[in-house]
Amino acid sequence: MSEENTYSGMAALSICEAILLALNDAKILPQREIIGILKDAAAAHEHATGSPSEVERHKAVATLINKINIG
C-alpha cells in the first residue's frame, strides 16, 4: 500500500471517529448505537474473504476499529 493511501486511511479513520464522538456529544446518536455501528464495521472486516494478504489487511482494519473507544 502506498504511503499516500496509508495517510488517507488514517485521516478517514480519525474523521469518522470525530464525527461519531460529535454525534454522541450532541445527543444525536446514543452511545449504544455508535458502539453498534463500530461493531458492525469491524465484523464486516473480520468476516471478509479473499487472498491471504487481503484477509490479513481486513483483520488489521477490524483491530483498528475495535480499538476505538467511544465513551
N, C-alpha and C. Protein backbone atom coordinates (compact mmCIF):
# COMPACT_ATOMS: atom_id res chain seq x y z
N MET A 1 0.85 -1.17 0.00
CA MET A 1 0.00 0.00 0.00
C MET A 1 0.89 1.23 0.00
N SER A 2 0.54 2.22 -0.79
CA SER A 2 1.36 3.41 -0.88
C SER A 2 1.25 4.26 0.38
N GLU A 3 2.26 5.09 0.59
CA GLU A 3 2.27 5.97 1.75
C GLU A 3 1.06 6.91 1.72
N GLU A 4 0.70 7.38 0.54
CA GLU A 4 -0.45 8.28 0.40
C GLU A 4 -1.74 7.57 0.83
N ASN A 5 -1.91 6.31 0.43
CA ASN A 5 -3.08 5.54 0.84
C ASN A 5 -3.11 5.34 2.35
N THR A 6 -1.96 5.09 2.93
CA THR A 6 -1.87 4.91 4.37
C THR A 6 -2.32 6.17 5.09
N TYR A 7 -1.82 7.32 4.64
CA TYR A 7 -2.20 8.58 5.27
C TYR A 7 -3.67 8.89 5.05
N SER A 8 -4.18 8.57 3.88
CA SER A 8 -5.60 8.80 3.60
C SER A 8 -6.47 7.95 4.52
N GLY A 9 -6.09 6.72 4.71
CA GLY A 9 -6.84 5.83 5.59
C GLY A 9 -6.80 6.30 7.03
N MET A 10 -5.65 6.77 7.49
CA MET A 10 -5.53 7.27 8.84
C MET A 10 -6.40 8.52 9.03
N ALA A 11 -6.38 9.39 8.04
CA ALA A 11 -7.20 10.61 8.11
C ALA A 11 -8.68 10.25 8.13
N ALA A 12 -9.09 9.32 7.29
CA ALA A 12 -10.50 8.93 7.23
C ALA A 12 -10.95 8.33 8.56
N LEU A 13 -10.13 7.49 9.15
CA LEU A 13 -10.48 6.89 10.44
C LEU A 13 -10.60 7.96 11.51
N SER A 14 -9.69 8.91 11.53
CA SER A 14 -9.75 9.98 12.52
C SER A 14 -10.99 10.85 12.35
N ILE A 15 -11.32 11.16 11.11
CA ILE A 15 -12.50 11.97 10.83
C ILE A 15 -13.76 11.23 11.26
N CYS A 16 -13.86 9.96 10.92
CA CYS A 16 -15.05 9.17 11.30
C CYS A 16 -15.18 9.07 12.82
N GLU A 17 -14.08 8.87 13.49
CA GLU A 17 -14.11 8.80 14.95
C GLU A 17 -14.59 10.13 15.53
N ALA A 18 -14.09 11.24 15.00
CA ALA A 18 -14.51 12.56 15.48
C ALA A 18 -16.00 12.79 15.23
N ILE A 19 -16.49 12.36 14.07
CA ILE A 19 -17.92 12.51 13.76
C ILE A 19 -18.76 11.70 14.73
N LEU A 20 -18.37 10.47 15.00
CA LEU A 20 -19.12 9.64 15.94
C LEU A 20 -19.13 10.26 17.34
N LEU A 21 -18.00 10.80 17.77
CA LEU A 21 -17.94 11.46 19.07
C LEU A 21 -18.85 12.69 19.09
N ALA A 22 -18.84 13.46 18.01
CA ALA A 22 -19.69 14.66 17.93
C ALA A 22 -21.17 14.28 17.94
N LEU A 23 -21.53 13.21 17.24
CA LEU A 23 -22.92 12.75 17.23
C LEU A 23 -23.36 12.33 18.63
N ASN A 24 -22.47 11.73 19.37
CA ASN A 24 -22.78 11.33 20.74
C ASN A 24 -22.86 12.56 21.65
N ASP A 25 -21.92 13.47 21.53
CA ASP A 25 -21.91 14.68 22.36
C ASP A 25 -23.17 15.53 22.14
N ALA A 26 -23.62 15.58 20.89
CA ALA A 26 -24.80 16.36 20.55
C ALA A 26 -26.10 15.60 20.84
N LYS A 27 -25.95 14.42 21.36
CA LYS A 27 -27.10 13.55 21.70
C LYS A 27 -27.96 13.24 20.48
N ILE A 28 -27.31 13.14 19.33
CA ILE A 28 -27.99 12.74 18.10
C ILE A 28 -28.06 11.22 18.02
N LEU A 29 -26.98 10.57 18.40
CA LEU A 29 -26.94 9.11 18.48
C LEU A 29 -26.49 8.72 19.88
N PRO A 30 -27.20 7.78 20.50
CA PRO A 30 -26.76 7.32 21.82
C PRO A 30 -25.50 6.45 21.69
N GLN A 31 -24.80 6.35 22.77
CA GLN A 31 -23.54 5.58 22.78
C GLN A 31 -23.76 4.15 22.30
N ARG A 32 -24.86 3.52 22.69
CA ARG A 32 -25.09 2.11 22.28
C ARG A 32 -25.21 1.99 20.77
N GLU A 33 -25.80 3.00 20.11
CA GLU A 33 -25.92 2.98 18.65
C GLU A 33 -24.55 3.13 17.99
N ILE A 34 -23.74 4.00 18.54
CA ILE A 34 -22.40 4.21 17.99
C ILE A 34 -21.56 2.96 18.16
N ILE A 35 -21.66 2.34 19.31
CA ILE A 35 -20.93 1.09 19.53
C ILE A 35 -21.42 0.03 18.56
N GLY A 36 -22.71 -0.01 18.29
CA GLY A 36 -23.26 -0.95 17.31
C GLY A 36 -22.70 -0.70 15.92
N ILE A 37 -22.59 0.56 15.53
CA ILE A 37 -22.01 0.91 14.23
C ILE A 37 -20.58 0.39 14.15
N LEU A 38 -19.80 0.64 15.19
CA LEU A 38 -18.40 0.20 15.20
C LEU A 38 -18.30 -1.33 15.17
N LYS A 39 -19.16 -2.00 15.91
CA LYS A 39 -19.14 -3.47 15.92
C LYS A 39 -19.51 -4.03 14.55
N ASP A 40 -20.50 -3.41 13.90
CA ASP A 40 -20.89 -3.86 12.56
C ASP A 40 -19.76 -3.66 11.56
N ALA A 41 -19.11 -2.52 11.65
CA ALA A 41 -18.00 -2.23 10.73
C ALA A 41 -16.85 -3.22 10.94
N ALA A 42 -16.52 -3.47 12.20
CA ALA A 42 -15.44 -4.42 12.50
C ALA A 42 -15.81 -5.82 12.02
N ALA A 43 -17.06 -6.22 12.27
CA ALA A 43 -17.50 -7.57 11.87
C ALA A 43 -17.41 -7.76 10.36
N ALA A 44 -17.73 -6.72 9.61
CA ALA A 44 -17.64 -6.82 8.15
C ALA A 44 -16.21 -7.16 7.72
N HIS A 45 -15.25 -6.60 8.41
CA HIS A 45 -13.84 -6.88 8.07
C HIS A 45 -13.37 -8.20 8.67
N GLU A 46 -13.88 -8.54 9.84
CA GLU A 46 -13.47 -9.81 10.47
C GLU A 46 -13.92 -11.01 9.66
N HIS A 47 -15.02 -10.87 8.93
CA HIS A 47 -15.56 -11.99 8.16
C HIS A 47 -15.30 -11.87 6.66
N ALA A 48 -14.44 -10.93 6.28
CA ALA A 48 -14.14 -10.75 4.86
C ALA A 48 -13.32 -11.92 4.34
N THR A 49 -13.47 -12.18 3.06
CA THR A 49 -12.72 -13.25 2.43
C THR A 49 -11.82 -12.65 1.35
N GLY A 50 -10.98 -13.48 0.81
CA GLY A 50 -10.07 -13.04 -0.24
C GLY A 50 -8.77 -13.78 -0.13
N SER A 51 -7.76 -13.23 -0.76
CA SER A 51 -6.44 -13.84 -0.69
C SER A 51 -5.92 -13.72 0.75
N PRO A 52 -4.90 -14.49 1.09
CA PRO A 52 -4.35 -14.38 2.45
C PRO A 52 -3.94 -12.95 2.82
N SER A 53 -3.36 -12.22 1.88
CA SER A 53 -2.95 -10.86 2.21
C SER A 53 -4.15 -9.93 2.37
N GLU A 54 -5.21 -10.16 1.60
CA GLU A 54 -6.43 -9.36 1.76
C GLU A 54 -7.10 -9.63 3.10
N VAL A 55 -7.15 -10.90 3.48
CA VAL A 55 -7.74 -11.27 4.77
C VAL A 55 -6.93 -10.65 5.90
N GLU A 56 -5.62 -10.67 5.78
CA GLU A 56 -4.75 -10.07 6.80
C GLU A 56 -5.02 -8.57 6.93
N ARG A 57 -5.19 -7.88 5.81
CA ARG A 57 -5.49 -6.44 5.84
C ARG A 57 -6.84 -6.19 6.50
N HIS A 58 -7.83 -7.01 6.15
CA HIS A 58 -9.16 -6.84 6.75
C HIS A 58 -9.11 -7.06 8.27
N LYS A 59 -8.37 -8.04 8.70
CA LYS A 59 -8.25 -8.30 10.14
C LYS A 59 -7.56 -7.13 10.84
N ALA A 60 -6.58 -6.52 10.19
CA ALA A 60 -5.90 -5.36 10.76
C ALA A 60 -6.87 -4.18 10.87
N VAL A 61 -7.70 -4.01 9.87
CA VAL A 61 -8.71 -2.94 9.91
C VAL A 61 -9.69 -3.20 11.05
N ALA A 62 -10.14 -4.42 11.19
CA ALA A 62 -11.06 -4.77 12.28
C ALA A 62 -10.43 -4.47 13.64
N THR A 63 -9.16 -4.77 13.78
CA THR A 63 -8.47 -4.49 15.04
C THR A 63 -8.45 -3.00 15.33
N LEU A 64 -8.18 -2.19 14.32
CA LEU A 64 -8.18 -0.73 14.49
C LEU A 64 -9.56 -0.22 14.90
N ILE A 65 -10.58 -0.71 14.23
CA ILE A 65 -11.95 -0.29 14.56
C ILE A 65 -12.28 -0.68 16.00
N ASN A 66 -11.91 -1.88 16.39
CA ASN A 66 -12.21 -2.35 17.75
C ASN A 66 -11.48 -1.56 18.82
N LYS A 67 -10.43 -0.86 18.46
CA LYS A 67 -9.69 -0.04 19.44
C LYS A 67 -10.32 1.32 19.68
N ILE A 68 -11.28 1.70 18.83
CA ILE A 68 -11.94 2.99 19.01
C ILE A 68 -12.81 2.91 20.25
N ASN A 69 -12.58 3.85 21.17
CA ASN A 69 -13.30 3.86 22.44
C ASN A 69 -14.21 5.08 22.47
N ILE A 70 -15.49 4.83 22.39
CA ILE A 70 -16.48 5.90 22.48
C ILE A 70 -17.03 5.88 23.90
N GLY A 71 -16.82 6.94 24.61
CA GLY A 71 -17.37 6.97 25.96
C GLY A 71 -16.55 7.70 26.88
